[in-house]
Amino acid sequence: MDIYISIVRFFEMGGDVIYLIALTMFLMWMLMFERAWYFLREHRGVIRDAVEAWESRDERRSWSARAVRERLISETTAQIRGSMPIILTCITLCPLLGLLGTVTGMIQVFDAMATQGGNARSMAAGVSAATIPTMSGMIASLSGIMGSTFLRRRIDTESELLEDHLTLDH
């Protein structure tokens, strides 16, 4: 119960932008888990289907065969990449949302200064609302960078292996 109260207090201190950062981070991690699930459960079947489609061709040296190979590689690589562009967008968006929280918090500080004449207690809430979203956005982005680095390596490796499996030698 103490953890719940701490989380609620953190969200209240950070302002409304914290909810956007949390939603963006949740979306980012759900998409990363979806990609991990894809590699665990579906990837072998996708590669097997592409290799079978290529191996079922009688000839593989003509211009049209190369075009079919490129199409297979392109379509399969798109399946391998999946939601990676959205994940990278979320990673980029998190610190920008943190910056938005900083700006809105600073507006609160200036408003408190204008209305209450520099009362330190009233300005502290605005400073807190300015720094917490910045920290949250950076932490969300850093966590996404770590997860996406693993996924990018896997995507690159699997794309290269696919090209190696679709040989032109027959």
N, C-alpha and C. Protein backbone atom coordinates (compact mmCIF):
# COMPACT_ATOMS: atom_id res chain seq x y z
N MET A 1 0.82 -1.19 0.00
CA MET A 1 0.00 0.00 0.00
C MET A 1 0.87 1.26 0.00
N ASP A 2 2.01 1.19 0.68
CA ASP A 2 2.91 2.33 0.70
C ASP A 2 3.46 2.65 -0.68
N ILE A 3 3.70 1.61 -1.47
CA ILE A 3 4.20 1.82 -2.83
C ILE A 3 3.15 2.55 -3.65
N TYR A 4 1.91 2.15 -3.53
CA TYR A 4 0.82 2.80 -4.26
C TYR A 4 0.73 4.28 -3.90
N ILE A 5 0.81 4.58 -2.62
CA ILE A 5 0.74 5.97 -2.16
C ILE A 5 1.93 6.77 -2.70
N SER A 6 3.10 6.15 -2.71
CA SER A 6 4.29 6.83 -3.24
C SER A 6 4.15 7.12 -4.73
N ILE A 7 3.60 6.17 -5.45
CA ILE A 7 3.41 6.37 -6.90
C ILE A 7 2.40 7.48 -7.15
N VAL A 8 1.30 7.46 -6.41
CA VAL A 8 0.29 8.51 -6.58
C VAL A 8 0.88 9.88 -6.25
N ARG A 9 1.64 9.96 -5.19
CA ARG A 9 2.27 11.22 -4.81
C ARG A 9 3.25 11.69 -5.88
N PHE A 10 4.01 10.75 -6.44
CA PHE A 10 4.95 11.08 -7.51
C PHE A 10 4.22 11.66 -8.71
N PHE A 11 3.11 11.03 -9.10
CA PHE A 11 2.33 11.53 -10.24
C PHE A 11 1.74 12.90 -9.94
N GLU A 12 1.30 13.12 -8.72
CA GLU A 12 0.74 14.43 -8.35
C GLU A 12 1.82 15.51 -8.37
N MET A 13 3.01 15.19 -7.89
CA MET A 13 4.09 16.18 -7.87
C MET A 13 4.58 16.51 -9.28
N GLY A 14 4.52 15.55 -10.17
CA GLY A 14 5.05 15.76 -11.52
C GLY A 14 4.11 16.46 -12.46
N GLY A 15 2.85 16.52 -12.12
CA GLY A 15 1.90 17.20 -13.00
C GLY A 15 1.29 16.26 -14.04
N ASP A 16 0.49 16.84 -14.89
CA ASP A 16 -0.27 16.05 -15.87
C ASP A 16 0.61 15.41 -16.94
N VAL A 17 1.76 15.98 -17.21
CA VAL A 17 2.63 15.44 -18.26
C VAL A 17 3.16 14.06 -17.89
N ILE A 18 3.26 13.79 -16.60
CA ILE A 18 3.73 12.47 -16.14
C ILE A 18 2.83 11.36 -16.70
N TYR A 19 1.54 11.62 -16.78
CA TYR A 19 0.61 10.62 -17.31
C TYR A 19 0.91 10.33 -18.78
N LEU A 20 1.25 11.35 -19.54
CA LEU A 20 1.61 11.15 -20.95
C LEU A 20 2.91 10.35 -21.07
N ILE A 21 3.87 10.66 -20.21
CA ILE A 21 5.14 9.93 -20.23
C ILE A 21 4.89 8.47 -19.86
N ALA A 22 4.09 8.24 -18.84
CA ALA A 22 3.79 6.86 -18.41
C ALA A 22 3.06 6.10 -19.51
N LEU A 23 2.12 6.74 -20.17
CA LEU A 23 1.39 6.10 -21.26
C LEU A 23 2.32 5.78 -22.43
N THR A 24 3.19 6.70 -22.76
CA THR A 24 4.15 6.49 -23.85
C THR A 24 5.10 5.35 -23.51
N MET A 25 5.58 5.33 -22.26
CA MET A 25 6.49 4.27 -21.85
C MET A 25 5.77 2.92 -21.84
N PHE A 26 4.53 2.89 -21.40
CA PHE A 26 3.76 1.65 -21.40
C PHE A 26 3.59 1.13 -22.82
N LEU A 27 3.22 2.01 -23.75
CA LEU A 27 3.07 1.62 -25.15
C LEU A 27 4.39 1.09 -25.70
N MET A 28 5.48 1.81 -25.42
CA MET A 28 6.80 1.42 -25.91
C MET A 28 7.17 0.02 -25.43
N TRP A 29 6.99 -0.25 -24.15
CA TRP A 29 7.37 -1.56 -23.61
C TRP A 29 6.41 -2.66 -24.07
N MET A 30 5.14 -2.36 -24.26
CA MET A 30 4.23 -3.38 -24.78
C MET A 30 4.64 -3.76 -26.21
N LEU A 31 5.03 -2.78 -27.00
CA LEU A 31 5.48 -3.09 -28.35
C LEU A 31 6.79 -3.86 -28.34
N MET A 32 7.68 -3.56 -27.40
CA MET A 32 8.92 -4.33 -27.31
C MET A 32 8.64 -5.77 -26.88
N PHE A 33 7.72 -5.95 -25.95
CA PHE A 33 7.34 -7.31 -25.56
C PHE A 33 6.68 -8.05 -26.71
N GLU A 34 5.92 -7.32 -27.53
CA GLU A 34 5.31 -7.95 -28.71
C GLU A 34 6.39 -8.43 -29.67
N ARG A 35 7.44 -7.64 -29.87
CA ARG A 35 8.53 -8.06 -30.75
C ARG A 35 9.26 -9.28 -30.16
N ALA A 36 9.47 -9.27 -28.85
CA ALA A 36 10.11 -10.43 -28.21
C ALA A 36 9.24 -11.67 -28.38
N TRP A 37 7.93 -11.52 -28.23
CA TRP A 37 7.00 -12.63 -28.43
C TRP A 37 7.07 -13.13 -29.88
N TYR A 38 7.14 -12.19 -30.81
CA TYR A 38 7.27 -12.56 -32.21
C TYR A 38 8.49 -13.44 -32.42
N PHE A 39 9.64 -13.04 -31.86
CA PHE A 39 10.86 -13.83 -32.06
C PHE A 39 10.77 -15.18 -31.37
N LEU A 40 10.06 -15.26 -30.27
CA LEU A 40 9.93 -16.53 -29.57
C LEU A 40 8.97 -17.48 -30.26
N ARG A 41 7.88 -16.97 -30.80
CA ARG A 41 6.80 -17.83 -31.28
C ARG A 41 6.59 -17.86 -32.79
N GLU A 42 6.72 -16.76 -33.47
CA GLU A 42 6.30 -16.67 -34.86
C GLU A 42 7.44 -16.60 -35.86
N HIS A 43 8.59 -16.18 -35.44
CA HIS A 43 9.67 -15.86 -36.37
C HIS A 43 10.10 -17.08 -37.20
N ARG A 44 10.26 -18.21 -36.57
CA ARG A 44 10.72 -19.40 -37.32
C ARG A 44 9.77 -19.74 -38.46
N GLY A 45 8.47 -19.63 -38.20
CA GLY A 45 7.49 -19.91 -39.24
C GLY A 45 7.56 -18.93 -40.39
N VAL A 46 7.78 -17.66 -40.09
CA VAL A 46 7.88 -16.64 -41.14
C VAL A 46 9.10 -16.91 -42.01
N ILE A 47 10.23 -17.21 -41.38
CA ILE A 47 11.46 -17.51 -42.14
C ILE A 47 11.28 -18.80 -42.95
N ARG A 48 10.68 -19.81 -42.33
CA ARG A 48 10.45 -21.07 -43.02
C ARG A 48 9.58 -20.86 -44.26
N ASP A 49 8.52 -20.07 -44.14
CA ASP A 49 7.65 -19.80 -45.28
C ASP A 49 8.40 -19.08 -46.40
N ALA A 50 9.24 -18.10 -46.05
CA ALA A 50 10.00 -17.38 -47.07
C ALA A 50 11.00 -18.30 -47.77
N VAL A 51 11.69 -19.12 -47.00
CA VAL A 51 12.67 -20.04 -47.59
C VAL A 51 11.97 -21.07 -48.46
N GLU A 52 10.83 -21.59 -48.01
CA GLU A 52 10.08 -22.56 -48.81
C GLU A 52 9.58 -21.94 -50.11
N ALA A 53 9.12 -20.70 -50.05
CA ALA A 53 8.67 -20.03 -51.27
C ALA A 53 9.83 -19.87 -52.24
N TRP A 54 11.00 -19.58 -51.74
CA TRP A 54 12.17 -19.41 -52.60
C TRP A 54 12.66 -20.76 -53.12
N GLU A 55 12.74 -21.74 -52.27
CA GLU A 55 13.23 -23.06 -52.68
C GLU A 55 12.28 -23.77 -53.64
N SER A 56 11.01 -23.40 -53.65
CA SER A 56 10.06 -24.05 -54.55
C SER A 56 10.22 -23.58 -56.00
N ARG A 57 11.00 -22.54 -56.21
CA ARG A 57 11.24 -22.06 -57.57
C ARG A 57 12.22 -23.00 -58.28
N ASP A 58 11.97 -23.23 -59.55
CA ASP A 58 12.85 -24.09 -60.33
C ASP A 58 14.16 -23.40 -60.68
N GLU A 59 14.07 -22.16 -61.09
CA GLU A 59 15.29 -21.44 -61.45
C GLU A 59 15.41 -20.20 -60.55
N ARG A 60 16.69 -19.88 -60.26
CA ARG A 60 16.94 -18.79 -59.32
C ARG A 60 18.03 -17.84 -59.80
N ARG A 61 18.29 -17.84 -61.11
CA ARG A 61 19.39 -17.00 -61.60
C ARG A 61 18.92 -15.84 -62.48
N SER A 62 17.72 -15.88 -62.97
CA SER A 62 17.25 -14.85 -63.90
C SER A 62 16.95 -13.55 -63.17
N TRP A 63 16.69 -12.53 -63.99
CA TRP A 63 16.35 -11.23 -63.43
C TRP A 63 15.05 -11.31 -62.64
N SER A 64 14.07 -12.02 -63.16
CA SER A 64 12.78 -12.13 -62.47
C SER A 64 12.94 -12.91 -61.16
N ALA A 65 13.81 -13.90 -61.15
CA ALA A 65 14.06 -14.64 -59.91
C ALA A 65 14.69 -13.73 -58.85
N ARG A 66 15.60 -12.89 -59.29
CA ARG A 66 16.20 -11.93 -58.35
C ARG A 66 15.16 -10.94 -57.82
N ALA A 67 14.23 -10.54 -58.68
CA ALA A 67 13.16 -9.64 -58.24
C ALA A 67 12.25 -10.32 -57.22
N VAL A 68 11.96 -11.58 -57.44
CA VAL A 68 11.15 -12.35 -56.49
C VAL A 68 11.90 -12.49 -55.17
N ARG A 69 13.20 -12.75 -55.26
CA ARG A 69 14.02 -12.86 -54.04
C ARG A 69 14.00 -11.55 -53.25
N GLU A 70 14.19 -10.43 -53.96
CA GLU A 70 14.17 -9.13 -53.29
C GLU A 70 12.81 -8.85 -52.65
N ARG A 71 11.73 -9.25 -53.33
CA ARG A 71 10.39 -9.06 -52.77
C ARG A 71 10.22 -9.90 -51.51
N LEU A 72 10.66 -11.15 -51.55
CA LEU A 72 10.58 -12.02 -50.36
C LEU A 72 11.38 -11.44 -49.20
N ILE A 73 12.57 -10.97 -49.50
CA ILE A 73 13.42 -10.39 -48.45
C ILE A 73 12.76 -9.13 -47.88
N SER A 74 12.23 -8.30 -48.75
CA SER A 74 11.61 -7.05 -48.31
C SER A 74 10.38 -7.32 -47.45
N GLU A 75 9.50 -8.21 -47.89
CA GLU A 75 8.29 -8.51 -47.13
C GLU A 75 8.61 -9.16 -45.79
N THR A 76 9.54 -10.08 -45.79
CA THR A 76 9.89 -10.77 -44.56
C THR A 76 10.61 -9.84 -43.60
N THR A 77 11.48 -8.99 -44.10
CA THR A 77 12.17 -8.02 -43.24
C THR A 77 11.18 -7.05 -42.63
N ALA A 78 10.16 -6.68 -43.38
CA ALA A 78 9.12 -5.81 -42.82
C ALA A 78 8.39 -6.51 -41.68
N GLN A 79 8.15 -7.80 -41.81
CA GLN A 79 7.54 -8.56 -40.71
C GLN A 79 8.48 -8.65 -39.51
N ILE A 80 9.76 -8.82 -39.79
CA ILE A 80 10.75 -8.91 -38.71
C ILE A 80 10.81 -7.58 -37.96
N ARG A 81 10.83 -6.48 -38.70
CA ARG A 81 10.91 -5.15 -38.05
C ARG A 81 9.63 -4.84 -37.29
N GLY A 82 8.50 -5.18 -37.85
CA GLY A 82 7.22 -4.99 -37.18
C GLY A 82 7.01 -3.58 -36.67
N SER A 83 6.87 -3.43 -35.37
CA SER A 83 6.54 -2.14 -34.75
C SER A 83 7.78 -1.37 -34.30
N MET A 84 8.94 -1.74 -34.79
CA MET A 84 10.17 -1.07 -34.36
C MET A 84 10.16 0.44 -34.64
N PRO A 85 9.63 0.93 -35.76
CA PRO A 85 9.59 2.38 -35.95
C PRO A 85 8.75 3.10 -34.87
N ILE A 86 7.67 2.49 -34.43
CA ILE A 86 6.85 3.09 -33.38
C ILE A 86 7.60 3.08 -32.06
N ILE A 87 8.33 2.01 -31.78
CA ILE A 87 9.14 1.93 -30.56
C ILE A 87 10.18 3.05 -30.55
N LEU A 88 10.86 3.23 -31.67
CA LEU A 88 11.87 4.29 -31.74
C LEU A 88 11.26 5.68 -31.62
N THR A 89 10.05 5.85 -32.12
CA THR A 89 9.35 7.12 -31.96
C THR A 89 9.03 7.37 -30.50
N CYS A 90 8.58 6.34 -29.79
CA CYS A 90 8.28 6.49 -28.36
C CYS A 90 9.54 6.84 -27.58
N ILE A 91 10.66 6.23 -27.93
CA ILE A 91 11.93 6.53 -27.26
C ILE A 91 12.30 8.00 -27.46
N THR A 92 12.09 8.50 -28.66
CA THR A 92 12.38 9.90 -28.94
C THR A 92 11.38 10.83 -28.27
N LEU A 93 10.15 10.40 -28.16
CA LEU A 93 9.09 11.24 -27.61
C LEU A 93 9.20 11.44 -26.10
N CYS A 94 9.68 10.43 -25.38
CA CYS A 94 9.73 10.52 -23.91
C CYS A 94 10.51 11.73 -23.38
N PRO A 95 11.75 11.99 -23.82
CA PRO A 95 12.42 13.18 -23.30
C PRO A 95 11.76 14.49 -23.74
N LEU A 96 11.12 14.48 -24.91
CA LEU A 96 10.41 15.68 -25.35
C LEU A 96 9.20 15.96 -24.46
N LEU A 97 8.52 14.90 -24.06
CA LEU A 97 7.42 15.07 -23.11
C LEU A 97 7.94 15.55 -21.76
N GLY A 98 9.11 15.05 -21.35
CA GLY A 98 9.74 15.54 -20.13
C GLY A 98 10.05 17.02 -20.22
N LEU A 99 10.51 17.45 -21.37
CA LEU A 99 10.78 18.88 -21.58
C LEU A 99 9.48 19.69 -21.53
N LEU A 100 8.42 19.14 -22.06
CA LEU A 100 7.12 19.80 -21.96
C LEU A 100 6.72 19.96 -20.49
N GLY A 101 6.98 18.93 -19.69
CA GLY A 101 6.71 19.02 -18.25
C GLY A 101 7.56 20.08 -17.58
N THR A 102 8.79 20.21 -18.03
CA THR A 102 9.67 21.25 -17.49
C THR A 102 9.10 22.64 -17.78
N VAL A 103 8.66 22.83 -19.00
CA VAL A 103 8.11 24.13 -19.38
C VAL A 103 6.84 24.43 -18.59
N THR A 104 5.95 23.44 -18.48
CA THR A 104 4.72 23.69 -17.73
C THR A 104 5.02 23.93 -16.25
N GLY A 105 5.99 23.23 -15.70
CA GLY A 105 6.39 23.47 -14.30
C GLY A 105 6.97 24.86 -14.10
N MET A 106 7.76 25.30 -15.05
CA MET A 106 8.33 26.64 -14.94
C MET A 106 7.25 27.72 -15.07
N ILE A 107 6.25 27.43 -15.86
CA ILE A 107 5.13 28.36 -15.94
C ILE A 107 4.46 28.47 -14.57
N GLN A 108 4.35 27.33 -13.88
CA GLN A 108 3.79 27.36 -12.52
C GLN A 108 4.66 28.20 -11.59
N VAL A 109 5.97 28.08 -11.72
CA VAL A 109 6.88 28.87 -10.88
C VAL A 109 6.69 30.35 -11.15
N PHE A 110 6.65 30.73 -12.42
CA PHE A 110 6.49 32.14 -12.75
C PHE A 110 5.12 32.66 -12.32
N ASP A 111 4.11 31.82 -12.42
CA ASP A 111 2.78 32.21 -11.96
C ASP A 111 2.78 32.43 -10.45
N ALA A 112 3.44 31.54 -9.72
CA ALA A 112 3.53 31.70 -8.26
C ALA A 112 4.31 32.96 -7.91
N MET A 113 5.35 33.25 -8.64
CA MET A 113 6.12 34.47 -8.38
C MET A 113 5.28 35.71 -8.65
N ALA A 114 4.48 35.66 -9.71
CA ALA A 114 3.68 36.82 -10.07
C ALA A 114 2.54 37.05 -9.08
N THR A 115 1.93 35.97 -8.64
CA THR A 115 0.76 36.13 -7.77
C THR A 115 1.11 36.22 -6.29
N GLN A 116 2.20 35.57 -5.87
CA GLN A 116 2.52 35.53 -4.44
C GLN A 116 3.84 36.20 -4.11
N GLY A 117 4.46 36.81 -5.08
CA GLY A 117 5.65 37.61 -4.84
C GLY A 117 6.88 36.86 -4.41
N GLY A 118 7.15 35.72 -4.98
CA GLY A 118 8.40 35.03 -4.69
C GLY A 118 8.38 34.19 -3.42
N ASN A 119 7.21 33.77 -2.98
CA ASN A 119 7.08 32.88 -1.83
C ASN A 119 7.76 31.55 -2.16
N ALA A 120 8.78 31.19 -1.40
CA ALA A 120 9.58 30.00 -1.69
C ALA A 120 8.74 28.73 -1.65
N ARG A 121 7.82 28.65 -0.76
CA ARG A 121 7.00 27.45 -0.63
C ARG A 121 6.12 27.25 -1.87
N SER A 122 5.56 28.31 -2.37
CA SER A 122 4.71 28.19 -3.55
C SER A 122 5.53 27.92 -4.81
N MET A 123 6.74 28.41 -4.84
CA MET A 123 7.60 28.16 -6.00
C MET A 123 8.14 26.73 -6.00
N ALA A 124 8.28 26.12 -4.83
CA ALA A 124 8.83 24.76 -4.74
C ALA A 124 7.97 23.76 -5.48
N ALA A 125 6.66 23.90 -5.41
CA ALA A 125 5.77 22.98 -6.12
C ALA A 125 5.99 23.07 -7.63
N GLY A 126 6.19 24.27 -8.13
CA GLY A 126 6.44 24.44 -9.56
C GLY A 126 7.78 23.88 -9.99
N VAL A 127 8.80 24.07 -9.13
CA VAL A 127 10.12 23.51 -9.45
C VAL A 127 10.04 21.99 -9.46
N SER A 128 9.32 21.42 -8.51
CA SER A 128 9.13 19.97 -8.48
C SER A 128 8.41 19.50 -9.73
N ALA A 129 7.36 20.21 -10.12
CA ALA A 129 6.62 19.86 -11.33
C ALA A 129 7.47 20.05 -12.57
N ALA A 130 8.52 20.85 -12.47
CA ALA A 130 9.40 21.08 -13.62
C ALA A 130 10.48 20.00 -13.74
N THR A 131 10.98 19.50 -12.62
CA THR A 131 12.10 18.56 -12.68
C THR A 131 11.67 17.10 -12.75
N ILE A 132 10.57 16.76 -12.12
CA ILE A 132 10.13 15.36 -12.12
C ILE A 132 9.79 14.85 -13.52
N PRO A 133 9.06 15.59 -14.34
CA PRO A 133 8.81 15.09 -15.70
C PRO A 133 10.08 14.95 -16.54
N THR A 134 11.03 15.85 -16.34
CA THR A 134 12.29 15.75 -17.08
C THR A 134 13.00 14.45 -16.73
N MET A 135 13.10 14.18 -15.45
CA MET A 135 13.74 12.94 -15.00
C MET A 135 12.96 11.73 -15.51
N SER A 136 11.65 11.77 -15.41
CA SER A 136 10.83 10.64 -15.85
C SER A 136 10.97 10.38 -17.34
N GLY A 137 10.96 11.44 -18.13
CA GLY A 137 11.12 11.28 -19.58
C GLY A 137 12.47 10.70 -19.95
N MET A 138 13.51 11.13 -19.25
CA MET A 138 14.85 10.60 -19.54
C MET A 138 14.97 9.14 -19.11
N ILE A 139 14.41 8.79 -17.97
CA ILE A 139 14.46 7.40 -17.51
C ILE A 139 13.68 6.51 -18.46
N ALA A 140 12.50 6.96 -18.88
CA ALA A 140 11.70 6.18 -19.82
C ALA A 140 12.46 5.97 -21.13
N SER A 141 13.09 7.03 -21.60
CA SER A 141 13.84 6.94 -22.85
C SER A 141 15.05 6.01 -22.72
N LEU A 142 15.77 6.12 -21.62
CA LEU A 142 16.94 5.26 -21.41
C LEU A 142 16.54 3.79 -21.31
N SER A 143 15.44 3.52 -20.64
CA SER A 143 14.99 2.12 -20.56
C SER A 143 14.61 1.61 -21.94
N GLY A 144 14.00 2.47 -22.74
CA GLY A 144 13.65 2.08 -24.10
C GLY A 144 14.86 1.85 -24.98
N ILE A 145 15.89 2.66 -24.78
CA ILE A 145 17.12 2.49 -25.57
C ILE A 145 17.74 1.13 -25.28
N MET A 146 17.75 0.75 -24.01
CA MET A 146 18.34 -0.55 -23.67
C MET A 146 17.56 -1.70 -24.30
N GLY A 147 16.24 -1.64 -24.21
CA GLY A 147 15.43 -2.70 -24.81
C GLY A 147 15.49 -2.71 -26.32
N SER A 148 15.46 -1.54 -26.92
CA SER A 148 15.46 -1.49 -28.38
C SER A 148 16.81 -1.87 -28.98
N THR A 149 17.88 -1.67 -28.25
CA THR A 149 19.21 -2.06 -28.74
C THR A 149 19.25 -3.57 -28.95
N PHE A 150 18.73 -4.31 -27.98
CA PHE A 150 18.66 -5.77 -28.13
C PHE A 150 17.82 -6.14 -29.34
N LEU A 151 16.66 -5.51 -29.47
CA LEU A 151 15.77 -5.83 -30.59
C LEU A 151 16.39 -5.47 -31.93
N ARG A 152 17.05 -4.31 -32.01
CA ARG A 152 17.67 -3.91 -33.28
C ARG A 152 18.75 -4.90 -33.70
N ARG A 153 19.55 -5.32 -32.75
CA ARG A 153 20.59 -6.32 -33.09
C ARG A 153 19.96 -7.59 -33.62
N ARG A 154 18.91 -8.03 -32.96
CA ARG A 154 18.24 -9.26 -33.38
C ARG A 154 17.62 -9.09 -34.77
N ILE A 155 17.00 -7.95 -35.00
CA ILE A 155 16.39 -7.68 -36.31
C ILE A 155 17.45 -7.66 -37.40
N ASP A 156 18.56 -6.99 -37.16
CA ASP A 156 19.64 -6.93 -38.15
C ASP A 156 20.21 -8.32 -38.43
N THR A 157 20.45 -9.07 -37.37
CA THR A 157 21.00 -10.42 -37.53
C THR A 157 20.05 -11.31 -38.32
N GLU A 158 18.78 -11.29 -37.97
CA GLU A 158 17.81 -12.14 -38.65
C GLU A 158 17.61 -11.72 -40.10
N SER A 159 17.68 -10.44 -40.39
CA SER A 159 17.55 -9.97 -41.77
C SER A 159 18.73 -10.44 -42.61
N GLU A 160 19.93 -10.38 -42.04
CA GLU A 160 21.12 -10.86 -42.76
C GLU A 160 21.06 -12.37 -42.97
N LEU A 161 20.61 -13.10 -41.96
CA LEU A 161 20.50 -14.55 -42.11
C LEU A 161 19.48 -14.92 -43.18
N LEU A 162 18.41 -14.16 -43.27
CA LEU A 162 17.41 -14.42 -44.30
C LEU A 162 18.02 -14.28 -45.69
N GLU A 163 18.79 -13.22 -45.89
CA GLU A 163 19.44 -13.03 -47.20
C GLU A 163 20.39 -14.17 -47.50
N ASP A 164 21.07 -14.69 -46.48
CA ASP A 164 21.99 -15.81 -46.69
C ASP A 164 21.24 -17.10 -47.03
N HIS A 165 20.04 -17.27 -46.48
CA HIS A 165 19.26 -18.49 -46.74
C HIS A 165 18.67 -18.53 -48.15
N LEU A 166 18.38 -17.37 -48.70
CA LEU A 166 17.80 -17.30 -50.04
C LEU A 166 18.92 -17.22 -51.07
N THR A 167 19.52 -18.37 -51.34
CA THR A 167 20.71 -18.42 -52.21
C THR A 167 20.31 -18.37 -53.68
N LEU A 168 21.23 -17.89 -54.48
CA LEU A 168 21.03 -17.78 -55.93
C LEU A 168 21.73 -18.90 -56.69
N ASP A 169 22.24 -19.90 -56.02
CA ASP A 169 23.12 -20.89 -56.66
C ASP A 169 22.41 -21.99 -57.43
N HIS A 170 21.13 -22.14 -57.34
CA HIS A 170 20.47 -23.25 -58.05
C HIS A 170 20.03 -22.84 -59.42
